[in-house]
Amino acid sequence: MNRVGIWAWACVMVFGTTLRAQEIPFSENHIAVGTYQLNLTNGYGPWRGFLLDGSWDPLKNGKFIGAITAYDRPEGNGTVFSAGKYQNFKGGFGFFGLISSEGATYLPEAQVTVDLNFDLPWMGW
C-alpha cells in the first residue's frame, strides 16, 4: 500500500463514520468528512469514495442523522443518500432510516430500516 492509500485509510478510520442502525446513539452532535481508497486484487480493481455525515439532537430525545456517500468502483460510480432518526423511550430506543441511491447498479435503489432496542433485565452479560 502506498503513502496515499495509507493516508486515505487513516482518514477513514479517524474522521469517517457510516450510518448504522445498530449503533448506540451518542449525545454529541457531529459532522464528519472522510475518504478512502482500496487497491484490491483478483479483478476487483481500485475502490475509492467520499463520505459526509452528521447528527443533530435539538430536542435531546433522539438524534437525526444523515449521510452522503460517493462510490467510485470499476463497476460504476454511485451515490447513497441516507437519513434516519433515533427515538428514545422508556426502556430502550428505536431507529427509523431511509436510504436512496443513484448511479451504480450495485447500490440499493431504496431501503427502509426499522430497529427497536429494549433494555431487558437480563441484558448486560
N, C-alpha and C. Protein backbone atom coordinates (compact mmCIF):
# COMPACT_ATOMS: atom_id res chain seq x y z
N MET A 1 0.86 -1.18 0.00
CA MET A 1 0.00 0.00 0.00
C MET A 1 0.90 1.23 0.00
N ASN A 2 0.63 2.18 -0.89
CA ASN A 2 1.47 3.38 -0.96
C ASN A 2 1.06 4.41 0.10
N ARG A 3 1.79 5.52 0.15
CA ARG A 3 1.52 6.55 1.16
C ARG A 3 0.12 7.13 1.05
N VAL A 4 -0.33 7.36 -0.18
CA VAL A 4 -1.68 7.92 -0.38
C VAL A 4 -2.73 6.95 0.16
N GLY A 5 -2.56 5.67 -0.12
CA GLY A 5 -3.50 4.67 0.38
C GLY A 5 -3.52 4.61 1.89
N ILE A 6 -2.35 4.67 2.52
CA ILE A 6 -2.27 4.65 3.98
C ILE A 6 -2.91 5.90 4.56
N TRP A 7 -2.64 7.07 3.94
CA TRP A 7 -3.24 8.31 4.41
C TRP A 7 -4.76 8.27 4.30
N ALA A 8 -5.26 7.77 3.17
CA ALA A 8 -6.71 7.70 2.98
C ALA A 8 -7.33 6.75 3.99
N TRP A 9 -6.69 5.61 4.21
CA TRP A 9 -7.21 4.66 5.20
C TRP A 9 -7.24 5.29 6.58
N ALA A 10 -6.18 6.03 6.94
CA ALA A 10 -6.13 6.68 8.25
C ALA A 10 -7.24 7.72 8.37
N CYS A 11 -7.52 8.47 7.29
CA CYS A 11 -8.60 9.47 7.33
C CYS A 11 -9.95 8.80 7.58
N VAL A 12 -10.19 7.68 6.92
CA VAL A 12 -11.45 6.98 7.13
C VAL A 12 -11.55 6.51 8.56
N MET A 13 -10.48 5.98 9.11
CA MET A 13 -10.51 5.49 10.49
C MET A 13 -10.74 6.63 11.48
N VAL A 14 -10.11 7.79 11.25
CA VAL A 14 -10.19 8.88 12.20
C VAL A 14 -11.46 9.71 12.01
N PHE A 15 -11.77 10.08 10.76
CA PHE A 15 -12.86 11.02 10.50
C PHE A 15 -14.13 10.38 9.97
N GLY A 16 -14.03 9.24 9.35
CA GLY A 16 -15.17 8.68 8.65
C GLY A 16 -16.06 7.84 9.55
N THR A 17 -17.32 7.95 9.36
CA THR A 17 -18.28 7.08 10.01
C THR A 17 -19.32 6.70 8.98
N THR A 18 -20.00 5.62 9.21
CA THR A 18 -21.07 5.21 8.33
C THR A 18 -22.36 5.14 9.11
N LEU A 19 -23.45 5.22 8.40
CA LEU A 19 -24.76 5.17 9.01
C LEU A 19 -25.11 3.73 9.34
N ARG A 20 -25.25 3.40 10.62
CA ARG A 20 -25.53 2.03 11.05
C ARG A 20 -26.68 2.08 12.04
N ALA A 21 -27.69 1.28 11.79
CA ALA A 21 -28.86 1.27 12.66
C ALA A 21 -28.54 0.67 14.02
N GLN A 22 -27.55 -0.19 14.12
CA GLN A 22 -27.24 -0.85 15.39
C GLN A 22 -26.37 0.00 16.30
N GLU A 23 -25.92 1.14 15.83
CA GLU A 23 -25.06 1.99 16.62
C GLU A 23 -25.86 2.63 17.75
N ILE A 24 -25.32 2.61 18.96
CA ILE A 24 -26.00 3.23 20.10
C ILE A 24 -25.88 4.74 19.95
N PRO A 25 -26.97 5.47 20.10
CA PRO A 25 -26.91 6.93 19.90
C PRO A 25 -26.07 7.61 20.97
N PHE A 26 -25.20 8.49 20.54
CA PHE A 26 -24.38 9.27 21.45
C PHE A 26 -25.00 10.65 21.61
N SER A 27 -24.60 11.36 22.65
CA SER A 27 -25.23 12.64 22.93
C SER A 27 -24.64 13.79 22.12
N GLU A 28 -23.44 13.64 21.55
CA GLU A 28 -22.82 14.75 20.85
C GLU A 28 -23.37 14.90 19.44
N ASN A 29 -23.50 16.15 19.01
CA ASN A 29 -23.78 16.45 17.61
C ASN A 29 -22.45 16.42 16.87
N HIS A 30 -22.46 16.03 15.60
CA HIS A 30 -21.20 15.98 14.88
C HIS A 30 -21.41 16.11 13.38
N ILE A 31 -20.32 16.46 12.72
CA ILE A 31 -20.22 16.40 11.26
C ILE A 31 -18.88 15.73 10.97
N ALA A 32 -18.89 14.77 10.05
CA ALA A 32 -17.67 14.04 9.71
C ALA A 32 -17.50 14.02 8.20
N VAL A 33 -16.26 14.12 7.77
CA VAL A 33 -15.89 14.05 6.36
C VAL A 33 -14.79 13.01 6.23
N GLY A 34 -14.89 12.17 5.22
CA GLY A 34 -13.87 11.15 5.05
C GLY A 34 -13.71 10.73 3.60
N THR A 35 -12.65 10.02 3.34
CA THR A 35 -12.39 9.49 2.02
C THR A 35 -11.67 8.16 2.18
N TYR A 36 -11.70 7.35 1.14
CA TYR A 36 -10.99 6.08 1.20
C TYR A 36 -10.54 5.68 -0.19
N GLN A 37 -9.51 4.84 -0.22
CA GLN A 37 -9.05 4.24 -1.46
C GLN A 37 -8.53 2.85 -1.12
N LEU A 38 -9.06 1.85 -1.81
CA LEU A 38 -8.63 0.47 -1.63
C LEU A 38 -8.16 -0.05 -2.98
N ASN A 39 -6.97 -0.58 -3.02
CA ASN A 39 -6.44 -1.19 -4.23
C ASN A 39 -6.56 -2.70 -4.08
N LEU A 40 -7.63 -3.27 -4.63
CA LEU A 40 -7.94 -4.67 -4.45
C LEU A 40 -7.40 -5.52 -5.60
N THR A 41 -7.16 -6.79 -5.31
CA THR A 41 -6.65 -7.71 -6.32
C THR A 41 -7.78 -8.64 -6.77
N ASN A 42 -7.44 -9.65 -7.53
CA ASN A 42 -8.39 -10.66 -8.02
C ASN A 42 -9.49 -10.04 -8.89
N GLY A 43 -9.14 -9.02 -9.66
CA GLY A 43 -10.10 -8.46 -10.59
C GLY A 43 -11.05 -7.42 -10.03
N TYR A 44 -10.95 -7.10 -8.74
CA TYR A 44 -11.86 -6.11 -8.15
C TYR A 44 -11.46 -4.69 -8.48
N GLY A 45 -10.16 -4.45 -8.69
CA GLY A 45 -9.70 -3.12 -9.07
C GLY A 45 -9.74 -2.13 -7.92
N PRO A 46 -9.49 -0.86 -8.22
CA PRO A 46 -9.48 0.15 -7.16
C PRO A 46 -10.89 0.60 -6.77
N TRP A 47 -11.10 0.77 -5.49
CA TRP A 47 -12.35 1.33 -4.96
C TRP A 47 -11.97 2.63 -4.26
N ARG A 48 -12.69 3.68 -4.60
CA ARG A 48 -12.46 4.99 -3.97
C ARG A 48 -13.82 5.55 -3.55
N GLY A 49 -13.77 6.46 -2.61
CA GLY A 49 -15.02 7.06 -2.21
C GLY A 49 -14.84 8.24 -1.29
N PHE A 50 -15.96 8.86 -1.00
CA PHE A 50 -16.01 10.06 -0.17
C PHE A 50 -17.28 9.98 0.66
N LEU A 51 -17.23 10.45 1.89
CA LEU A 51 -18.45 10.48 2.68
C LEU A 51 -18.54 11.75 3.52
N LEU A 52 -19.76 12.12 3.76
CA LEU A 52 -20.09 13.26 4.60
C LEU A 52 -21.27 12.82 5.45
N ASP A 53 -21.12 12.89 6.76
CA ASP A 53 -22.26 12.54 7.60
C ASP A 53 -22.31 13.43 8.82
N GLY A 54 -23.46 13.42 9.47
CA GLY A 54 -23.64 14.24 10.64
C GLY A 54 -24.83 13.81 11.46
N SER A 55 -24.88 14.33 12.66
CA SER A 55 -26.01 14.05 13.54
C SER A 55 -26.36 15.32 14.31
N TRP A 56 -27.62 15.38 14.72
CA TRP A 56 -28.13 16.57 15.41
C TRP A 56 -29.25 16.12 16.32
N ASP A 57 -29.23 16.59 17.56
CA ASP A 57 -30.24 16.21 18.54
C ASP A 57 -30.78 17.47 19.23
N PRO A 58 -31.62 18.25 18.52
CA PRO A 58 -32.07 19.52 19.09
C PRO A 58 -33.00 19.36 20.29
N LEU A 59 -33.77 18.29 20.36
CA LEU A 59 -34.74 18.11 21.44
C LEU A 59 -34.25 17.17 22.53
N LYS A 60 -33.06 16.61 22.37
CA LYS A 60 -32.46 15.68 23.34
C LYS A 60 -33.32 14.45 23.60
N ASN A 61 -34.04 13.99 22.55
CA ASN A 61 -34.84 12.79 22.69
C ASN A 61 -34.50 11.74 21.63
N GLY A 62 -33.42 11.94 20.92
CA GLY A 62 -33.01 11.03 19.86
C GLY A 62 -32.50 11.81 18.67
N LYS A 63 -31.39 11.37 18.13
CA LYS A 63 -30.71 12.09 17.06
C LYS A 63 -31.39 11.98 15.71
N PHE A 64 -31.25 13.02 14.92
CA PHE A 64 -31.45 12.97 13.48
C PHE A 64 -30.07 12.73 12.89
N ILE A 65 -29.96 11.80 11.96
CA ILE A 65 -28.67 11.54 11.33
C ILE A 65 -28.83 11.49 9.83
N GLY A 66 -27.77 11.83 9.14
CA GLY A 66 -27.80 11.79 7.69
C GLY A 66 -26.41 11.57 7.14
N ALA A 67 -26.34 11.04 5.93
CA ALA A 67 -25.05 10.79 5.30
C ALA A 67 -25.18 10.81 3.78
N ILE A 68 -24.12 11.24 3.14
CA ILE A 68 -23.97 11.13 1.69
C ILE A 68 -22.65 10.40 1.47
N THR A 69 -22.72 9.30 0.73
CA THR A 69 -21.53 8.50 0.47
C THR A 69 -21.40 8.30 -1.03
N ALA A 70 -20.26 8.68 -1.58
CA ALA A 70 -19.99 8.53 -3.02
C ALA A 70 -19.06 7.34 -3.22
N TYR A 71 -19.39 6.50 -4.20
CA TYR A 71 -18.61 5.32 -4.52
C TYR A 71 -18.05 5.43 -5.93
N ASP A 72 -16.80 5.06 -6.10
CA ASP A 72 -16.16 5.00 -7.41
C ASP A 72 -15.48 3.64 -7.51
N ARG A 73 -16.11 2.74 -8.26
CA ARG A 73 -15.60 1.38 -8.43
C ARG A 73 -15.59 1.05 -9.91
N PRO A 74 -14.84 0.02 -10.31
CA PRO A 74 -14.82 -0.36 -11.73
C PRO A 74 -16.22 -0.67 -12.28
N GLU A 75 -17.14 -1.14 -11.45
CA GLU A 75 -18.49 -1.46 -11.90
C GLU A 75 -19.32 -0.22 -12.17
N GLY A 76 -18.86 0.92 -11.69
CA GLY A 76 -19.60 2.16 -11.90
C GLY A 76 -19.52 3.08 -10.70
N ASN A 77 -19.95 4.30 -10.91
CA ASN A 77 -19.96 5.31 -9.86
C ASN A 77 -21.38 5.48 -9.34
N GLY A 78 -21.51 5.79 -8.07
CA GLY A 78 -22.83 5.99 -7.50
C GLY A 78 -22.76 6.77 -6.20
N THR A 79 -23.91 7.20 -5.76
CA THR A 79 -24.03 7.97 -4.52
C THR A 79 -25.20 7.43 -3.71
N VAL A 80 -24.99 7.30 -2.41
CA VAL A 80 -26.04 6.86 -1.49
C VAL A 80 -26.39 8.04 -0.58
N PHE A 81 -27.69 8.30 -0.46
CA PHE A 81 -28.21 9.33 0.43
C PHE A 81 -28.98 8.61 1.54
N SER A 82 -28.65 8.89 2.79
CA SER A 82 -29.32 8.22 3.88
C SER A 82 -29.69 9.21 4.97
N ALA A 83 -30.81 8.94 5.62
CA ALA A 83 -31.29 9.78 6.71
C ALA A 83 -31.99 8.88 7.72
N GLY A 84 -31.92 9.26 8.96
CA GLY A 84 -32.56 8.45 9.99
C GLY A 84 -32.84 9.25 11.23
N LYS A 85 -33.57 8.62 12.13
CA LYS A 85 -33.94 9.27 13.40
C LYS A 85 -33.95 8.22 14.49
N TYR A 86 -33.18 8.46 15.53
CA TYR A 86 -33.27 7.67 16.75
C TYR A 86 -34.38 8.27 17.61
N GLN A 87 -35.10 7.44 18.31
CA GLN A 87 -36.12 7.93 19.23
C GLN A 87 -35.96 7.20 20.56
N ASN A 88 -35.64 7.96 21.59
CA ASN A 88 -35.52 7.38 22.92
C ASN A 88 -36.89 7.20 23.53
N PHE A 89 -37.08 6.10 24.25
CA PHE A 89 -38.31 5.89 25.00
C PHE A 89 -37.96 5.12 26.27
N LYS A 90 -38.87 5.11 27.21
CA LYS A 90 -38.62 4.42 28.47
C LYS A 90 -38.41 2.94 28.18
N GLY A 91 -37.26 2.43 28.58
CA GLY A 91 -36.97 1.03 28.36
C GLY A 91 -36.24 0.72 27.07
N GLY A 92 -35.73 1.74 26.36
CA GLY A 92 -34.98 1.46 25.14
C GLY A 92 -34.96 2.61 24.17
N PHE A 93 -34.72 2.28 22.91
CA PHE A 93 -34.74 3.28 21.85
C PHE A 93 -35.06 2.59 20.54
N GLY A 94 -35.52 3.39 19.59
CA GLY A 94 -35.83 2.89 18.26
C GLY A 94 -35.09 3.68 17.21
N PHE A 95 -35.02 3.13 16.01
CA PHE A 95 -34.39 3.80 14.89
C PHE A 95 -35.24 3.59 13.65
N PHE A 96 -35.41 4.66 12.86
CA PHE A 96 -36.08 4.59 11.58
C PHE A 96 -35.17 5.25 10.57
N GLY A 97 -34.86 4.55 9.47
CA GLY A 97 -33.95 5.10 8.48
C GLY A 97 -34.42 4.87 7.06
N LEU A 98 -34.03 5.78 6.19
CA LEU A 98 -34.34 5.69 4.76
C LEU A 98 -33.05 5.84 3.97
N ILE A 99 -32.92 5.04 2.92
CA ILE A 99 -31.75 5.12 2.04
C ILE A 99 -32.24 5.16 0.60
N SER A 100 -31.58 5.99 -0.19
CA SER A 100 -31.83 6.05 -1.62
C SER A 100 -30.49 6.21 -2.31
N SER A 101 -30.40 5.79 -3.56
CA SER A 101 -29.13 5.94 -4.27
C SER A 101 -29.38 6.24 -5.74
N GLU A 102 -28.34 6.69 -6.38
CA GLU A 102 -28.38 6.91 -7.83
C GLU A 102 -27.03 6.52 -8.40
N GLY A 103 -27.04 6.14 -9.64
CA GLY A 103 -25.79 5.79 -10.30
C GLY A 103 -25.63 4.29 -10.47
N ALA A 104 -24.70 3.72 -9.74
CA ALA A 104 -24.29 2.33 -9.94
C ALA A 104 -25.39 1.33 -9.61
N THR A 105 -25.41 0.25 -10.38
CA THR A 105 -26.43 -0.79 -10.19
C THR A 105 -26.18 -1.64 -8.96
N TYR A 106 -25.00 -1.63 -8.39
CA TYR A 106 -24.72 -2.43 -7.20
C TYR A 106 -25.21 -1.78 -5.91
N LEU A 107 -25.73 -0.56 -5.99
CA LEU A 107 -26.26 0.14 -4.81
C LEU A 107 -27.77 -0.06 -4.74
N PRO A 108 -28.33 -0.09 -3.53
CA PRO A 108 -29.78 -0.25 -3.41
C PRO A 108 -30.52 0.99 -3.92
N GLU A 109 -31.61 0.78 -4.64
CA GLU A 109 -32.41 1.93 -5.09
C GLU A 109 -33.13 2.58 -3.92
N ALA A 110 -33.60 1.76 -3.00
CA ALA A 110 -34.28 2.27 -1.81
C ALA A 110 -34.19 1.23 -0.71
N GLN A 111 -34.16 1.71 0.52
CA GLN A 111 -34.13 0.81 1.67
C GLN A 111 -34.78 1.51 2.85
N VAL A 112 -35.54 0.76 3.62
CA VAL A 112 -36.15 1.26 4.85
C VAL A 112 -35.65 0.39 5.99
N THR A 113 -35.21 1.01 7.08
CA THR A 113 -34.72 0.28 8.24
C THR A 113 -35.53 0.69 9.46
N VAL A 114 -36.03 -0.29 10.18
CA VAL A 114 -36.71 -0.05 11.46
C VAL A 114 -36.06 -0.96 12.47
N ASP A 115 -35.65 -0.40 13.59
CA ASP A 115 -34.91 -1.15 14.60
C ASP A 115 -35.42 -0.74 15.98
N LEU A 116 -35.81 -1.70 16.79
CA LEU A 116 -36.23 -1.45 18.17
C LEU A 116 -35.25 -2.13 19.11
N ASN A 117 -34.79 -1.40 20.11
CA ASN A 117 -33.83 -1.91 21.09
C ASN A 117 -34.42 -1.73 22.48
N PHE A 118 -34.58 -2.84 23.20
CA PHE A 118 -35.18 -2.81 24.52
C PHE A 118 -34.13 -3.12 25.58
N ASP A 119 -34.17 -2.36 26.69
CA ASP A 119 -33.31 -2.64 27.83
C ASP A 119 -34.01 -3.69 28.68
N LEU A 120 -33.61 -4.93 28.53
CA LEU A 120 -34.21 -6.03 29.27
C LEU A 120 -33.39 -6.33 30.51
N PRO A 121 -34.03 -6.83 31.58
CA PRO A 121 -33.32 -7.05 32.84
C PRO A 121 -32.12 -7.97 32.71
N TRP A 122 -32.17 -8.94 31.82
CA TRP A 122 -31.06 -9.89 31.71
C TRP A 122 -30.00 -9.45 30.73
N MET A 123 -30.16 -8.24 30.16
CA MET A 123 -29.14 -7.72 29.24
C MET A 123 -27.93 -7.24 30.05
N GLY A 124 -26.80 -7.13 29.43
CA GLY A 124 -25.62 -6.63 30.08
C GLY A 124 -24.64 -7.73 30.45
N TRP A 125 -24.80 -8.85 29.86
CA TRP A 125 -23.95 -10.03 30.03
C TRP A 125 -22.87 -9.77 31.02
